[in-house]
């Protein structure tokens, strides 16, 4: 069973959560100024990297809060979780990025 580390409730079973996709996607300041292609990029284009990936998660069957998590897409292991609005934490293997 995959345990998701909720920063509010601690590690809980995956069935209590919903993944909300890639984290740290900034909404355009003036969406009406975007042409259709740039709006489509904002809505649908996401990175799909192999390795560490920042994602948004909702603890829907627990505290009901959104949070961000760093997950390795190769091993499916969670490396860190942190509250929404907080910066992405640097991992020792990332050289302080």
N, C-alpha and C. Protein backbone atom coordinates (compact mmCIF):
# COMPACT_ATOMS: atom_id res chain seq x y z
N UNK A 1 0.84 -1.17 0.00
CA UNK A 1 0.00 0.00 0.00
C UNK A 1 0.90 1.24 0.00
N UNK A 2 0.53 2.21 -0.81
CA UNK A 2 1.25 3.47 -0.89
C UNK A 2 0.75 4.40 0.22
N UNK A 3 1.69 4.93 1.00
CA UNK A 3 1.34 5.90 2.04
C UNK A 3 1.70 7.29 1.56
N UNK A 4 0.75 8.19 1.64
CA UNK A 4 0.95 9.57 1.24
C UNK A 4 1.16 10.39 2.51
N UNK A 5 2.26 11.17 2.57
CA UNK A 5 2.56 11.94 3.79
C UNK A 5 1.84 13.29 3.83
N UNK A 6 0.65 13.31 4.39
CA UNK A 6 -0.08 14.57 4.56
C UNK A 6 0.67 15.42 5.59
N UNK A 7 0.99 16.68 5.27
CA UNK A 7 1.70 17.51 6.25
C UNK A 7 0.85 17.87 7.47
N UNK A 8 -0.45 17.63 7.39
CA UNK A 8 -1.34 17.95 8.50
C UNK A 8 -1.70 16.72 9.34
N UNK A 9 -1.85 15.56 8.68
CA UNK A 9 -2.33 14.35 9.36
C UNK A 9 -1.28 13.25 9.47
N UNK A 10 -0.17 13.40 8.79
CA UNK A 10 0.84 12.35 8.78
C UNK A 10 0.58 11.36 7.65
N UNK A 11 1.35 10.28 7.60
CA UNK A 11 1.19 9.29 6.53
C UNK A 11 -0.16 8.59 6.60
N UNK A 12 -0.84 8.57 5.46
CA UNK A 12 -2.17 7.95 5.38
C UNK A 12 -2.24 7.13 4.07
N UNK A 13 -3.14 6.15 3.98
CA UNK A 13 -3.26 5.33 2.77
C UNK A 13 -3.66 6.17 1.55
N UNK A 14 -3.15 5.77 0.41
CA UNK A 14 -3.37 6.48 -0.85
C UNK A 14 -4.86 6.65 -1.18
N UNK A 15 -5.70 5.72 -0.78
CA UNK A 15 -7.13 5.79 -1.12
C UNK A 15 -7.83 7.00 -0.50
N UNK A 16 -7.19 7.66 0.47
CA UNK A 16 -7.78 8.86 1.09
C UNK A 16 -7.51 10.13 0.29
N UNK A 17 -6.73 10.04 -0.78
CA UNK A 17 -6.24 11.23 -1.48
C UNK A 17 -6.66 11.25 -2.95
N UNK A 18 -6.61 12.45 -3.51
CA UNK A 18 -6.75 12.66 -4.95
C UNK A 18 -5.59 13.52 -5.42
N UNK A 19 -4.95 13.10 -6.49
CA UNK A 19 -3.85 13.89 -7.05
C UNK A 19 -4.43 15.01 -7.90
N UNK A 20 -3.90 16.21 -7.73
CA UNK A 20 -4.39 17.38 -8.46
C UNK A 20 -3.45 17.82 -9.56
N UNK A 21 -2.49 16.99 -9.93
CA UNK A 21 -1.58 17.33 -11.02
C UNK A 21 -0.35 18.08 -10.56
N UNK A 22 0.33 18.65 -11.53
CA UNK A 22 1.60 19.32 -11.28
C UNK A 22 1.42 20.54 -10.38
N UNK A 23 2.35 20.71 -9.45
CA UNK A 23 2.31 21.85 -8.52
C UNK A 23 3.06 23.04 -9.10
N UNK A 24 2.84 24.18 -8.50
CA UNK A 24 3.55 25.43 -8.81
C UNK A 24 3.29 25.93 -10.24
N UNK A 25 2.06 25.75 -10.72
CA UNK A 25 1.66 26.29 -12.02
C UNK A 25 1.01 27.64 -11.74
N UNK A 26 1.61 28.70 -12.23
CA UNK A 26 1.09 30.05 -11.97
C UNK A 26 0.02 30.41 -13.00
N UNK A 27 -1.12 30.88 -12.52
CA UNK A 27 -2.19 31.33 -13.41
C UNK A 27 -1.72 32.61 -14.09
N UNK A 28 -2.01 32.77 -15.38
CA UNK A 28 -1.64 34.00 -16.08
C UNK A 28 -2.28 35.23 -15.42
N UNK A 29 -1.53 36.31 -15.35
CA UNK A 29 -2.02 37.53 -14.71
C UNK A 29 -3.25 38.09 -15.43
N UNK A 30 -3.26 38.02 -16.76
CA UNK A 30 -4.39 38.53 -17.54
C UNK A 30 -4.79 37.46 -18.56
N UNK A 31 -5.61 36.49 -18.15
CA UNK A 31 -5.97 35.40 -19.05
C UNK A 31 -6.64 35.87 -20.35
N UNK A 32 -7.39 36.96 -20.30
CA UNK A 32 -8.08 37.44 -21.51
C UNK A 32 -7.10 37.97 -22.56
N UNK A 33 -5.86 38.23 -22.17
CA UNK A 33 -4.87 38.73 -23.12
C UNK A 33 -4.17 37.59 -23.87
N UNK A 34 -4.41 36.34 -23.47
CA UNK A 34 -3.75 35.21 -24.12
C UNK A 34 -4.51 34.79 -25.37
N UNK A 35 -3.75 34.41 -26.39
CA UNK A 35 -4.40 33.82 -27.56
C UNK A 35 -4.76 32.37 -27.24
N UNK A 36 -5.48 31.72 -28.12
CA UNK A 36 -5.96 30.37 -27.86
C UNK A 36 -4.83 29.37 -27.63
N UNK A 37 -3.76 29.49 -28.38
CA UNK A 37 -2.64 28.54 -28.23
C UNK A 37 -1.98 28.69 -26.86
N UNK A 38 -1.76 29.92 -26.41
CA UNK A 38 -1.12 30.11 -25.10
C UNK A 38 -2.06 29.71 -23.97
N UNK A 39 -3.37 29.93 -24.13
CA UNK A 39 -4.33 29.50 -23.11
C UNK A 39 -4.36 27.97 -23.05
N UNK A 40 -4.35 27.31 -24.19
CA UNK A 40 -4.33 25.85 -24.23
C UNK A 40 -3.05 25.32 -23.56
N UNK A 41 -1.92 25.97 -23.79
CA UNK A 41 -0.67 25.57 -23.13
C UNK A 41 -0.81 25.65 -21.61
N UNK A 42 -1.39 26.73 -21.13
CA UNK A 42 -1.58 26.88 -19.69
C UNK A 42 -2.50 25.79 -19.13
N UNK A 43 -3.57 25.50 -19.82
CA UNK A 43 -4.55 24.52 -19.33
C UNK A 43 -4.08 23.08 -19.40
N UNK A 44 -3.38 22.73 -20.49
CA UNK A 44 -3.15 21.32 -20.76
C UNK A 44 -1.70 20.85 -20.78
N UNK A 45 -0.75 21.71 -21.03
CA UNK A 45 0.64 21.27 -21.16
C UNK A 45 1.32 21.24 -19.79
N UNK A 46 1.80 20.07 -19.43
CA UNK A 46 2.48 19.87 -18.16
C UNK A 46 3.76 19.07 -18.40
N UNK A 47 4.70 19.21 -17.50
CA UNK A 47 5.89 18.39 -17.61
C UNK A 47 5.53 16.98 -17.18
N UNK A 48 6.14 16.03 -17.77
CA UNK A 48 5.90 14.64 -17.42
C UNK A 48 7.27 13.98 -17.29
N UNK A 49 8.03 14.50 -16.35
CA UNK A 49 9.41 14.06 -16.22
C UNK A 49 9.54 12.73 -15.49
N UNK A 50 10.64 12.10 -15.74
CA UNK A 50 10.97 10.85 -15.07
C UNK A 50 11.88 11.24 -13.90
N UNK A 51 11.46 10.93 -12.70
CA UNK A 51 12.22 11.31 -11.51
C UNK A 51 11.38 12.13 -10.56
N UNK A 52 12.00 13.06 -9.87
CA UNK A 52 11.32 13.87 -8.85
C UNK A 52 10.38 14.88 -9.52
N UNK A 53 9.15 14.89 -9.03
CA UNK A 53 8.09 15.71 -9.63
C UNK A 53 7.28 16.34 -8.49
N UNK A 54 7.01 17.64 -8.57
CA UNK A 54 6.17 18.33 -7.57
C UNK A 54 4.71 18.22 -8.00
N UNK A 55 3.87 17.74 -7.08
CA UNK A 55 2.46 17.53 -7.37
C UNK A 55 1.59 18.14 -6.29
N UNK A 56 0.34 18.43 -6.65
CA UNK A 56 -0.68 18.88 -5.69
C UNK A 56 -1.50 17.68 -5.29
N UNK A 57 -1.83 17.59 -4.00
CA UNK A 57 -2.64 16.49 -3.50
C UNK A 57 -3.73 17.04 -2.60
N UNK A 58 -4.89 16.38 -2.62
CA UNK A 58 -6.03 16.73 -1.77
C UNK A 58 -6.29 15.55 -0.84
N UNK A 59 -6.30 15.80 0.47
CA UNK A 59 -6.62 14.76 1.43
C UNK A 59 -8.14 14.76 1.59
N UNK A 60 -8.82 14.23 0.59
CA UNK A 60 -10.27 14.32 0.50
C UNK A 60 -11.02 13.52 1.56
N UNK A 61 -10.47 12.40 2.00
CA UNK A 61 -11.13 11.59 3.03
C UNK A 61 -10.42 11.72 4.37
N UNK A 62 -9.87 12.88 4.62
CA UNK A 62 -9.18 13.17 5.87
C UNK A 62 -9.44 14.61 6.25
N UNK A 63 -8.39 15.41 6.31
CA UNK A 63 -8.51 16.80 6.73
C UNK A 63 -9.15 17.71 5.67
N UNK A 64 -9.22 17.23 4.41
CA UNK A 64 -9.83 18.03 3.36
C UNK A 64 -8.97 19.15 2.83
N UNK A 65 -7.69 19.13 3.14
CA UNK A 65 -6.78 20.21 2.72
C UNK A 65 -5.93 19.80 1.52
N UNK A 66 -5.59 20.83 0.72
CA UNK A 66 -4.65 20.67 -0.38
C UNK A 66 -3.23 20.85 0.16
N UNK A 67 -2.28 20.15 -0.43
CA UNK A 67 -0.86 20.33 -0.11
C UNK A 67 -0.04 19.91 -1.31
N UNK A 68 1.23 20.23 -1.28
CA UNK A 68 2.16 19.83 -2.33
C UNK A 68 3.05 18.70 -1.82
N UNK A 69 3.50 17.88 -2.75
CA UNK A 69 4.39 16.78 -2.40
C UNK A 69 5.40 16.57 -3.51
N UNK A 70 6.59 16.16 -3.13
CA UNK A 70 7.60 15.74 -4.10
C UNK A 70 7.56 14.23 -4.15
N UNK A 71 7.34 13.71 -5.37
CA UNK A 71 7.23 12.26 -5.56
C UNK A 71 8.17 11.84 -6.67
N UNK A 72 8.86 10.74 -6.48
CA UNK A 72 9.71 10.17 -7.51
C UNK A 72 8.82 9.32 -8.40
N UNK A 73 8.69 9.70 -9.67
CA UNK A 73 7.79 8.99 -10.57
C UNK A 73 8.33 7.63 -11.00
N UNK A 74 9.61 7.36 -10.75
CA UNK A 74 10.19 6.06 -11.09
C UNK A 74 9.88 5.05 -9.99
N UNK A 75 10.15 5.42 -8.75
CA UNK A 75 9.95 4.50 -7.62
C UNK A 75 8.57 4.66 -6.97
N UNK A 76 7.83 5.71 -7.33
CA UNK A 76 6.53 6.04 -6.75
C UNK A 76 6.63 6.33 -5.25
N UNK A 77 7.80 6.79 -4.82
CA UNK A 77 7.99 7.11 -3.40
C UNK A 77 7.88 8.62 -3.19
N UNK A 78 7.33 8.99 -2.05
CA UNK A 78 7.21 10.39 -1.67
C UNK A 78 8.47 10.81 -0.93
N UNK A 79 9.03 11.95 -1.32
CA UNK A 79 10.27 12.44 -0.72
C UNK A 79 10.02 13.54 0.29
N UNK A 80 8.96 14.31 0.08
CA UNK A 80 8.63 15.42 0.99
C UNK A 80 7.19 15.85 0.72
N UNK A 81 6.58 16.45 1.71
CA UNK A 81 5.28 17.10 1.53
C UNK A 81 5.33 18.43 2.27
N UNK A 82 4.59 19.39 1.75
CA UNK A 82 4.63 20.73 2.34
C UNK A 82 3.34 21.46 2.03
N UNK A 83 3.04 22.43 2.86
CA UNK A 83 1.78 23.18 2.75
C UNK A 83 1.74 24.01 1.48
N UNK A 84 0.52 24.22 0.97
CA UNK A 84 0.33 25.09 -0.20
C UNK A 84 0.87 26.48 0.13
N UNK A 85 1.47 27.12 -0.84
CA UNK A 85 2.03 28.45 -0.65
C UNK A 85 3.46 28.44 -0.18
N UNK A 86 3.95 27.30 0.25
CA UNK A 86 5.35 27.19 0.68
C UNK A 86 6.21 26.88 -0.54
N UNK A 87 7.47 27.32 -0.55
CA UNK A 87 8.34 27.00 -1.68
C UNK A 87 8.70 25.52 -1.70
N UNK A 88 9.02 25.04 -2.88
CA UNK A 88 9.44 23.65 -3.03
C UNK A 88 10.73 23.44 -2.24
N UNK A 89 10.77 22.43 -1.37
CA UNK A 89 12.00 22.19 -0.59
C UNK A 89 13.11 21.63 -1.47
N UNK A 90 14.33 22.01 -1.17
CA UNK A 90 15.50 21.46 -1.86
C UNK A 90 15.82 20.10 -1.27
N UNK A 91 16.14 19.17 -2.13
CA UNK A 91 16.54 17.84 -1.69
C UNK A 91 18.06 17.74 -1.77
N UNK A 92 18.67 16.96 -0.90
CA UNK A 92 20.13 16.84 -0.92
C UNK A 92 20.71 16.42 -2.27
N UNK A 93 19.98 15.60 -3.04
CA UNK A 93 20.46 15.14 -4.33
C UNK A 93 20.30 16.18 -5.43
N UNK A 94 19.58 17.28 -5.16
CA UNK A 94 19.35 18.30 -6.17
C UNK A 94 20.38 19.43 -6.09
N UNK A 95 21.35 19.31 -5.23
CA UNK A 95 22.37 20.34 -5.14
C UNK A 95 21.86 21.67 -4.63
N UNK A 96 20.85 21.65 -3.78
CA UNK A 96 20.35 22.89 -3.19
C UNK A 96 19.47 23.70 -4.10
N UNK A 97 18.97 23.14 -5.19
CA UNK A 97 18.11 23.89 -6.11
C UNK A 97 16.77 24.16 -5.48
